[in-house]
Amino acid sequence: MKRKDFLTMGSLLILGMPVFSGIKFKRSVNNITLIGDSIRTGYQKYITFYLNSQAEIWGPDDSRINSFDILKEVDSWFKNRNASIIHINTGLEDLKCIPFSGRENLVPLDLYTRNIERITKYIHRVRPGAVLIWATTTPVIQKDMNTDVGESGEFSFFPEDVIRYNDALITTCQKLGVPVNDLYQFVMSGEPSRIILEDGMHFTEMGYELLGEQVANAIQLFLD
C-alpha cells in the first residue's frame, strides 16, 4: 500500500496548524533522538531508512515507556546525549487502564499533562537550540482490543482516552510553543483498519512504514 492509497484526504498537515505556526527555525542536524513506546520502536527503522544519509538516529531499546519513565531518564537521554532534534511519542503507556476491567488510567491525565510540561522545560534548559517535537498518540480500536487482551485481564485502552490525552498534549504544546506531529490525525485520515493489527493498537509492517514516513517528513522540516 502506498501513502497516497492510504490517505483519503487530498492533503494532510505534517504538524498541527496552531501549534506549528510561527516556528521558522532550522538546524544543521547530525543527531536525532526518538523516544516512545512500542509504536515508536515499530516505525524507527523506517525513519533510519529515510533519514540515515542526513543524520545519526538513536532511540532506547525499551518499548514500554510512559511519561514518568522519560522523566527518570532525562539525564541519560537528553542531557548526556548530543541531539539536535528530539521526537517524543508517549501516551499509550500513560492512558492504559489496569486491570482490564478497571477504568483508572495508569498515569492520570493531570499528571500526564504536568509531565509533558516538565519534560519540555527540562529539554529546553539542557539542550538549548535543539528542536523538540511531540507526537500525538495513535488510535486504538477498542472492539479488537477487547477480543485480543480481554482474556488475559492485564490492561485495556479506550478510544476516548486517546482523544483526551491528545487534546491535553496539544494544548500544553501550544502554551509552550512546541510543534506537534499529529500521528493520530494521520492514521484517522486514512482507513485505520487497513494498517492496525487485530490487537487494536499495533500496526502492520506497512502501517509502521507509513508512520515512519510521516515522522521523517516532520523531522525533515527542520533539516537544512
Protein backbone atom coordinates (compact mmCIF):
# COMPACT_ATOMS: atom_id res chain seq x y z
CA MET A 1 0.00 0.00 0.00
CA LYS A 2 1.32 3.43 -0.89
CA ARG A 3 0.85 6.55 1.19
CA LYS A 4 -1.45 8.12 -1.40
CA ASP A 5 -3.58 4.97 -1.41
CA PHE A 6 -3.95 5.03 2.36
CA LEU A 7 -4.92 8.66 2.79
CA THR A 8 -8.46 9.64 1.91
CA MET A 9 -7.87 13.39 2.23
CA GLY A 10 -6.34 15.47 -0.52
CA SER A 11 -3.66 16.84 1.79
CA LEU A 12 -2.57 16.43 5.39
CA LEU A 13 -0.63 18.79 7.60
CA ILE A 14 2.57 17.30 8.96
CA LEU A 15 2.19 19.36 12.11
CA GLY A 16 -0.92 20.77 13.73
CA MET A 17 -1.72 24.26 12.42
CA PRO A 18 -2.00 26.28 15.64
CA VAL A 19 0.97 24.53 17.21
CA PHE A 20 3.36 24.80 14.30
CA SER A 21 2.51 28.27 13.05
CA GLY A 22 5.22 30.84 13.67
CA ILE A 23 8.04 28.33 14.16
CA LYS A 24 10.59 29.16 11.47
CA PHE A 25 13.90 27.83 12.78
CA LYS A 26 16.00 25.17 11.08
CA ARG A 27 19.16 23.48 12.22
CA SER A 28 22.08 21.66 10.69
CA VAL A 29 21.21 18.33 12.24
CA ASN A 30 23.54 15.42 12.81
CA ASN A 31 21.80 13.64 15.69
CA ILE A 32 18.14 12.69 16.12
CA THR A 33 16.73 11.14 19.30
CA LEU A 34 13.48 9.18 19.08
CA ILE A 35 11.65 8.46 22.33
CA GLY A 36 8.43 6.50 22.71
CA ASP A 37 6.66 3.22 23.31
CA SER A 38 6.21 0.14 21.11
CA ILE A 39 4.68 2.25 18.33
CA ARG A 40 7.94 4.22 18.12
CA THR A 41 10.08 1.08 18.06
CA GLY A 42 7.90 -0.18 15.22
CA TYR A 43 8.48 2.81 12.95
CA GLN A 44 12.04 3.75 13.99
CA LYS A 45 13.79 1.56 11.41
CA TYR A 46 11.89 3.32 8.63
CA ILE A 47 12.98 6.74 9.88
CA THR A 48 16.52 5.40 9.78
CA PHE A 49 15.90 4.34 6.19
CA TYR A 50 14.50 7.73 5.16
CA LEU A 51 16.95 9.96 7.04
CA ASN A 52 20.08 7.88 7.55
CA SER A 53 22.08 9.86 4.98
CA GLN A 54 21.25 13.12 6.75
CA ALA A 55 21.57 12.25 10.44
CA GLU A 56 22.51 9.71 13.07
CA ILE A 57 19.36 8.30 14.69
CA TRP A 58 19.10 6.85 18.20
CA GLY A 59 16.30 5.57 20.42
CA PRO A 60 16.24 3.49 23.63
CA ASP A 61 15.56 -0.24 23.40
CA ASP A 62 12.75 -0.08 25.96
CA SER A 63 9.33 -0.20 24.29
CA ARG A 64 7.12 0.28 27.37
CA ILE A 65 7.79 3.93 28.04
CA ASN A 66 5.39 6.33 29.71
CA SER A 67 5.93 9.96 30.65
CA PHE A 68 7.28 9.08 34.11
CA ASP A 69 9.84 6.76 32.54
CA ILE A 70 11.05 9.66 30.40
CA LEU A 71 11.45 11.83 33.49
CA LYS A 72 13.57 9.11 35.10
CA GLU A 73 15.91 9.03 32.11
CA VAL A 74 16.17 12.73 31.28
CA ASP A 75 19.89 12.95 32.03
CA SER A 76 21.00 9.92 30.01
CA TRP A 77 18.59 10.54 27.11
CA PHE A 78 18.83 14.31 26.81
CA LYS A 79 21.48 15.98 28.95
CA ASN A 80 24.24 13.49 28.17
CA ARG A 81 23.29 12.89 24.54
CA ASN A 82 24.00 15.45 21.85
CA ALA A 83 20.69 15.56 19.98
CA SER A 84 19.70 18.38 17.66
CA ILE A 85 16.17 17.06 17.07
CA ILE A 86 14.15 15.15 19.67
CA HIS A 87 10.87 13.48 18.67
CA ILE A 88 8.78 12.10 21.55
CA ASN A 89 5.77 9.82 21.19
CA THR A 90 4.36 8.79 24.57
CA GLY A 91 0.76 8.30 25.64
CA LEU A 92 -0.40 4.71 25.19
CA GLU A 93 1.50 3.53 28.25
CA ASP A 94 0.18 6.52 30.21
CA LEU A 95 -3.50 6.15 29.40
CA LYS A 96 -3.85 2.37 29.60
CA CYS A 97 -6.10 1.03 32.34
CA ILE A 98 -5.00 -1.75 34.70
CA PRO A 99 -6.56 -4.24 35.27
CA PHE A 100 -8.58 -4.92 32.13
CA SER A 101 -11.89 -4.42 33.92
CA GLY A 102 -10.76 -1.16 35.56
CA ARG A 103 -11.23 2.39 34.39
CA GLU A 104 -8.34 4.24 36.05
CA ASN A 105 -5.53 5.33 33.77
CA LEU A 106 -2.03 4.29 34.78
CA VAL A 107 -0.90 7.93 34.62
CA PRO A 108 -3.88 10.24 35.31
CA LEU A 109 -4.46 12.99 32.79
CA ASP A 110 -3.39 15.83 35.10
CA LEU A 111 -0.08 14.10 35.86
CA TYR A 112 0.45 13.30 32.18
CA THR A 113 -0.02 16.98 31.32
CA ARG A 114 2.35 18.04 34.09
CA ASN A 115 4.96 15.53 32.91
CA ILE A 116 4.78 16.83 29.33
CA GLU A 117 5.47 20.33 30.60
CA ARG A 118 8.30 19.21 32.90
CA ILE A 119 10.00 17.19 30.15
CA THR A 120 9.69 20.06 27.68
CA LYS A 121 11.15 22.65 30.03
CA TYR A 122 13.98 20.32 31.02
CA ILE A 123 14.96 19.68 27.39
CA HIS A 124 14.85 23.37 26.57
CA ARG A 125 17.14 24.02 29.54
CA VAL A 126 19.78 21.34 28.90
CA ARG A 127 19.57 21.32 25.08
CA PRO A 128 19.12 24.98 24.11
CA GLY A 129 18.73 25.29 20.36
CA ALA A 130 17.57 21.71 19.88
CA VAL A 131 14.24 21.12 18.14
CA LEU A 132 11.68 19.25 20.27
CA ILE A 133 8.67 17.66 18.53
CA TRP A 134 5.89 15.90 20.43
CA ALA A 135 3.68 13.37 18.64
CA THR A 136 0.06 12.60 19.39
CA THR A 137 -0.86 9.05 20.39
CA THR A 138 -2.07 6.82 17.59
CA PRO A 139 -5.67 5.49 17.65
CA VAL A 140 -6.91 2.31 19.30
CA ILE A 141 -9.76 0.15 18.06
CA GLN A 142 -11.45 -0.98 21.24
CA LYS A 143 -13.56 -3.84 19.90
CA ASP A 144 -10.47 -5.56 18.50
CA MET A 145 -8.50 -4.90 21.67
CA ASN A 146 -11.22 -6.34 23.89
CA THR A 147 -11.12 -9.54 21.89
CA ASP A 148 -7.33 -9.77 21.94
CA VAL A 149 -6.42 -8.88 25.54
CA GLY A 150 -9.67 -9.40 27.40
CA GLU A 151 -8.90 -12.97 28.37
CA SER A 152 -5.51 -12.06 29.87
CA GLY A 153 -7.08 -9.42 32.11
CA GLU A 154 -3.89 -7.37 32.10
CA PHE A 155 -4.95 -4.00 30.73
CA SER A 156 -7.33 -2.16 28.44
CA PHE A 157 -7.43 1.02 26.35
CA PHE A 158 -10.32 3.30 25.46
CA PRO A 159 -10.53 5.41 22.28
CA GLU A 160 -11.99 8.36 24.18
CA ASP A 161 -8.93 8.40 26.45
CA VAL A 162 -6.65 8.70 23.42
CA ILE A 163 -8.60 11.79 22.36
CA ARG A 164 -8.49 13.32 25.86
CA TYR A 165 -4.76 12.77 26.26
CA ASN A 166 -4.03 14.08 22.77
CA ASP A 167 -6.09 17.19 23.41
CA ALA A 168 -4.13 17.79 26.62
CA LEU A 169 -0.82 17.28 24.81
CA ILE A 170 -1.72 19.72 22.03
CA THR A 171 -2.97 22.35 24.49
CA THR A 172 0.21 22.07 26.55
CA CYS A 173 2.43 22.29 23.46
CA GLN A 174 0.51 25.32 22.23
CA LYS A 175 1.20 27.01 25.54
CA LEU A 176 4.89 26.14 25.36
CA GLY A 177 5.29 26.88 21.64
CA VAL A 178 6.35 23.34 20.75
CA PRO A 179 5.47 21.69 17.40
CA VAL A 180 3.24 18.61 17.38
CA ASN A 181 3.37 15.79 14.86
CA ASP A 182 -0.26 14.68 14.69
CA LEU A 183 0.08 10.93 14.17
CA TYR A 184 -3.45 10.38 15.43
CA GLN A 185 -4.94 12.56 12.69
CA PHE A 186 -2.64 10.99 10.13
CA VAL A 187 -3.96 7.49 10.87
CA MET A 188 -7.58 8.61 11.19
CA SER A 189 -7.40 10.48 7.87
CA GLY A 190 -6.96 7.18 6.07
CA GLU A 191 -8.52 3.80 6.77
CA PRO A 192 -7.17 2.73 10.19
CA SER A 193 -8.49 -0.82 9.89
CA ARG A 194 -6.17 -1.41 6.93
CA ILE A 195 -3.00 -0.83 8.92
CA ILE A 196 -3.88 -1.63 12.57
CA LEU A 197 -3.44 -5.22 13.75
CA GLU A 198 -6.07 -7.39 15.41
CA ASP A 199 -4.91 -6.29 18.87
CA GLY A 200 -6.43 -2.88 18.11
CA MET A 201 -3.34 -0.73 18.74
CA HIS A 202 -0.21 -2.03 17.00
CA PHE A 203 0.38 -1.73 13.27
CA THR A 204 1.07 -3.89 10.28
CA GLU A 205 4.51 -3.55 8.73
CA MET A 206 3.01 -1.28 6.09
CA GLY A 207 1.45 0.79 8.87
CA TYR A 208 4.80 1.27 10.56
CA GLU A 209 6.34 2.22 7.25
CA LEU A 210 3.67 4.88 6.73
CA LEU A 211 4.18 6.19 10.26
CA GLY A 212 7.93 6.22 9.73
CA GLU A 213 7.49 8.29 6.60
CA GLN A 214 5.20 10.67 8.47
CA VAL A 215 7.70 11.15 11.30
CA ALA A 216 10.57 11.52 8.84
CA ASN A 217 8.60 14.21 6.98
CA ALA A 218 8.02 16.13 10.23
CA ILE A 219 11.70 15.93 11.16
CA GLN A 220 12.78 16.90 7.67
CA LEU A 221 11.10 20.27 8.09
CA PHE A 222 13.93 21.16 10.47
CA LEU A 223 16.78 19.76 8.40
CA ASP A 224 18.92 22.03 6.25
